[in-house]
Protein backbone atom coordinates (compact mmCIF):
# COMPACT_ATOMS: atom_id res chain seq x y z
CA UNK A 1 -74.14 27.05 -0.16
CA UNK A 2 -71.30 25.06 -0.89
CA UNK A 3 -68.78 26.29 -2.69
CA UNK A 4 -65.00 24.80 -2.84
CA UNK A 5 -61.51 26.64 -3.00
CA UNK A 6 -58.53 26.36 -3.39
CA UNK A 7 -55.00 26.64 -5.24
CA UNK A 8 -55.34 25.43 -9.88
CA UNK A 9 -54.86 21.55 -9.99
CA UNK A 10 -56.30 20.81 -6.73
CA UNK A 11 -59.00 19.41 -8.08
CA UNK A 12 -61.89 21.38 -7.86
CA UNK A 13 -64.45 20.73 -9.94
CA UNK A 14 -63.80 17.55 -9.52
CA UNK A 15 -64.62 17.43 -5.80
CA UNK A 16 -67.77 19.14 -7.27
CA UNK A 17 -69.31 17.10 -9.85
CA UNK A 18 -68.56 13.83 -8.90
CA UNK A 19 -69.94 14.38 -4.63
CA UNK A 20 -73.00 16.46 -6.14
CA UNK A 21 -74.61 13.77 -7.74
CA UNK A 22 -73.70 11.42 -5.09
CA UNK A 23 -76.34 13.05 -2.74
CA UNK A 24 -78.22 14.66 -5.37
CA UNK A 25 -77.70 18.61 -6.01
CA UNK A 26 -77.34 20.79 -8.57
CA UNK A 27 -73.23 20.52 -9.16
CA UNK A 28 -72.00 25.06 -9.67
CA UNK A 29 -69.63 25.51 -12.42
CA UNK A 30 -68.99 28.68 -12.40
CA UNK A 31 -66.86 28.94 -15.97
CA UNK A 32 -64.23 31.72 -14.47
CA UNK A 33 -62.38 30.54 -17.74
CA UNK A 34 -65.43 32.21 -19.48
CA UNK A 35 -64.76 35.20 -18.18
CA UNK A 36 -61.46 35.86 -19.25
CA UNK A 37 -62.31 34.69 -22.82
CA UNK A 38 -65.02 37.66 -22.91
CA UNK A 39 -62.29 40.16 -22.66
CA UNK A 40 -59.94 39.30 -25.13
CA UNK A 41 -57.03 38.21 -22.18
CA UNK A 42 -55.24 34.86 -21.75
CA UNK A 43 -55.19 34.22 -17.49
CA UNK A 44 -51.35 33.02 -18.01
CA UNK A 45 -50.36 36.30 -19.02
CA UNK A 46 -48.42 38.84 -18.38
CA UNK A 47 -49.63 41.69 -17.07
CA UNK A 48 -49.57 45.37 -14.72
CA UNK A 49 -50.53 44.61 -11.20
CA UNK A 50 -54.13 46.75 -11.52
CA UNK A 51 -54.99 45.49 -14.94
CA UNK A 52 -55.45 42.35 -12.79
CA UNK A 53 -57.11 44.38 -10.60
CA UNK A 54 -59.96 44.98 -13.00
CA UNK A 55 -59.95 41.52 -14.58
CA UNK A 56 -60.26 40.42 -10.74
CA UNK A 57 -63.40 43.30 -10.12
CA UNK A 58 -64.72 41.32 -13.40
CA UNK A 59 -64.11 36.81 -12.02
CA UNK A 60 -65.53 38.70 -8.05
CA UNK A 61 -68.83 40.37 -10.38
CA UNK A 62 -69.49 37.07 -12.53
CA UNK A 63 -68.88 34.46 -9.22
CA UNK A 64 -71.15 36.93 -7.68
CA UNK A 65 -73.69 36.78 -9.69
CA UNK A 66 -73.82 33.18 -9.41
CA UNK A 67 -74.51 32.50 -5.90
CA UNK A 68 -77.22 35.23 -5.32
CA UNK A 69 -79.40 32.96 -8.50
CA UNK A 70 -78.99 30.72 -5.70
CA UNK A 71 -78.96 31.61 -2.50
CA UNK A 72 -81.11 29.21 -0.61
CA UNK A 73 -81.50 26.54 -2.40
CA UNK A 74 -78.60 23.47 -2.08
CA UNK A 75 -75.39 23.67 -4.60
CA UNK A 76 -71.70 22.77 -3.62
CA UNK A 77 -69.77 25.43 -6.93
CA UNK A 78 -66.55 24.61 -7.43
CA UNK A 79 -64.98 28.10 -7.31
CA UNK A 80 -65.87 30.67 -4.16
CA UNK A 81 -64.79 34.19 -3.91
CA UNK A 82 -62.42 33.69 -1.97
CA UNK A 83 -60.76 32.08 -4.95
CA UNK A 84 -59.96 35.62 -7.02
CA UNK A 85 -58.55 36.68 -3.31
CA UNK A 86 -56.06 34.72 -3.20
CA UNK A 87 -54.95 34.78 -6.96
CA UNK A 88 -55.13 39.67 -6.11
CA UNK A 89 -54.03 39.24 -3.08
CA UNK A 90 -51.00 36.26 -5.08
CA UNK A 91 -49.86 38.99 -7.24
CA UNK A 92 -49.39 41.57 -4.53
CA UNK A 93 -45.69 42.44 -3.87
CA UNK A 94 -43.66 45.21 -0.98
CA UNK A 95 -44.04 48.12 -3.86
CA UNK A 96 -46.59 46.89 -6.13
CA UNK A 97 -49.52 49.64 -3.90
CA UNK A 98 -49.76 53.22 -3.72
CA UNK A 99 -52.29 53.81 -1.18
CA UNK A 100 -54.81 54.66 -4.38
CA UNK A 101 -54.78 51.02 -5.03
CA UNK A 102 -53.89 49.65 -1.59
CA UNK A 103 -57.54 51.86 -1.26
CA UNK A 104 -58.51 49.80 -4.74
CA UNK A 105 -57.57 46.28 -2.90
CA UNK A 106 -59.56 46.82 0.25
CA UNK A 107 -62.25 47.62 -1.22
CA UNK A 108 -62.04 43.70 -3.34
CA UNK A 109 -60.75 41.94 -0.44
CA UNK A 110 -64.15 43.88 1.23
CA UNK A 111 -66.26 42.86 -1.72
CA UNK A 112 -65.05 38.76 -1.68
CA UNK A 113 -66.07 38.52 2.17
CA UNK A 114 -69.29 40.40 2.22
CA UNK A 115 -70.47 38.08 -0.97
CA UNK A 116 -69.51 34.88 0.96
CA UNK A 117 -71.20 35.72 3.52
CA UNK A 118 -74.20 36.87 1.49
CA UNK A 119 -74.35 33.49 -0.59
CA UNK A 120 -72.20 30.32 0.47
CA UNK A 121 -72.89 29.17 3.85
CA UNK A 122 -70.03 26.42 3.80
CA UNK A 123 -67.00 27.33 3.11
CA UNK A 124 -64.17 23.52 2.10
CA UNK A 125 -60.90 23.97 1.02
CA UNK A 126 -58.60 21.83 -0.92
CA UNK A 127 -54.89 21.46 -0.64
CA UNK A 128 -53.43 21.37 -4.22
CA UNK A 129 -52.13 18.19 -5.93
CA UNK A 130 -49.55 18.26 -6.12
CA UNK A 131 -47.34 15.87 -9.38
CA UNK A 132 -49.69 16.25 -11.33
CA UNK A 133 -49.48 16.24 -15.06
CA UNK A 134 -49.48 19.32 -17.34
CA UNK A 135 -53.28 18.79 -19.95
CA UNK A 136 -54.65 21.43 -22.75
CA UNK A 137 -57.21 24.53 -21.38
CA UNK A 138 -56.31 23.79 -17.74
CA UNK A 139 -53.55 26.00 -16.02
CA UNK A 140 -49.52 25.10 -15.60
CA UNK A 141 -48.82 23.05 -12.76
CA UNK A 142 -45.70 25.12 -10.71
CA UNK A 143 -45.67 24.06 -7.04
CA UNK A 144 -44.18 26.22 -6.46
CA UNK A 145 -46.30 28.88 -7.05
CA UNK A 146 -49.26 26.34 -6.16
CA UNK A 147 -47.97 26.32 -2.91
CA UNK A 148 -47.83 30.29 -2.48
CA UNK A 149 -51.16 30.49 -3.25
CA UNK A 150 -52.36 27.51 -0.90
CA UNK A 151 -50.40 29.57 1.44
CA UNK A 152 -52.28 32.95 1.01
CA UNK A 153 -55.37 30.90 0.71
CA UNK A 154 -55.59 29.47 4.03
CA UNK A 155 -54.67 33.17 5.46
CA UNK A 156 -57.78 34.79 4.25
CA UNK A 157 -60.17 31.41 5.04
CA UNK A 158 -59.50 32.73 8.89
CA UNK A 159 -61.68 35.91 8.66
CA UNK A 160 -64.55 35.08 10.90
CA UNK A 161 -67.35 35.33 8.42
CA UNK A 162 -71.36 34.72 10.13
CA UNK A 163 -73.37 32.07 8.97
CA UNK A 164 -70.38 30.31 7.08
CA UNK A 165 -68.22 27.80 8.03
CA UNK A 166 -65.13 26.77 6.94
CA UNK A 167 -63.26 23.40 6.51
CA UNK A 168 -60.27 21.99 4.85
CA UNK A 169 -59.14 18.66 4.07
CA UNK A 170 -55.84 17.82 3.97
CA UNK A 171 -56.57 14.09 2.19
CA UNK A 172 -55.42 14.33 -1.31
CA UNK A 173 -57.36 10.81 -2.65
CA UNK A 174 -60.11 11.46 -4.26
CA UNK A 175 -62.64 9.29 -2.17
CA UNK A 176 -61.22 10.09 1.32
CA UNK A 177 -62.00 13.50 -0.29
CA UNK A 178 -65.29 13.29 -1.70
CA UNK A 179 -65.85 11.90 2.45
CA UNK A 180 -64.99 14.83 3.52
CA UNK A 181 -67.49 17.12 1.85
CA UNK A 182 -70.24 14.57 3.31
CA UNK A 183 -69.66 15.52 6.36
CA UNK A 184 -69.00 18.92 5.62
CA UNK A 185 -72.62 19.31 4.07
CA UNK A 186 -74.58 17.39 6.72
CA UNK A 187 -72.86 19.75 8.72
CA UNK A 188 -73.76 22.19 7.30
CA UNK A 189 -77.38 21.59 6.56
CA UNK A 190 -77.48 20.84 10.84
CA UNK A 191 -75.82 24.22 11.52
CA UNK A 192 -78.72 26.79 11.64
CA UNK A 193 -77.29 30.07 12.40
CA UNK A 194 -74.04 29.35 13.85
CA UNK A 195 -70.85 29.62 12.47
CA UNK A 196 -67.52 28.26 13.05
CA UNK A 197 -64.86 30.81 13.86
CA UNK A 198 -61.84 28.77 12.58
CA UNK A 199 -60.33 25.83 10.22
CA UNK A 200 -61.59 22.37 11.24
CA UNK A 201 -61.34 19.35 9.57
CA UNK A 202 -64.81 17.42 8.86
CA UNK A 203 -63.35 14.24 10.46
CA UNK A 204 -61.90 15.86 14.04
């Protein structure tokens, strides 16, 4: 029902687990790392854009399948299709796309938006947590790149989708974020079929 979106190391999984337990609903671990393992690919490896796009499509398959099994249920997911689109667009440069690849990326974007609209009633966007130390098994921290992908995400989520509310929390403290997510969860529950087409903060 609700997904969290944000740059790597922004605290999505930690927040999702905490609030899911607090309000007694399912925590849905998207386990995107398993896709890379299954494909035998290092997520940190440099690769041509078209190869990266194939992997992003596999990740979108994975997330879409997990979300579609829970349509109509209450859960908090630690990833969304928005996250996939964010990293796809982060790899695009002026000379990256020819006509064929432009069409592929356009279809990829449309598909990501469609999955969000069909499976999620709410998406909470998390601001990055800068200054986190590197940790084993986690993506390497790089504040400049994190800011870059976060800016892309902020643009992506401004696309209005039917029946999907979007909120953003600028809080960095875990307890304040948890309060924002609880407020957002309640707002989504009571929104019915209405949607908000612009970003809003739960405490505004």
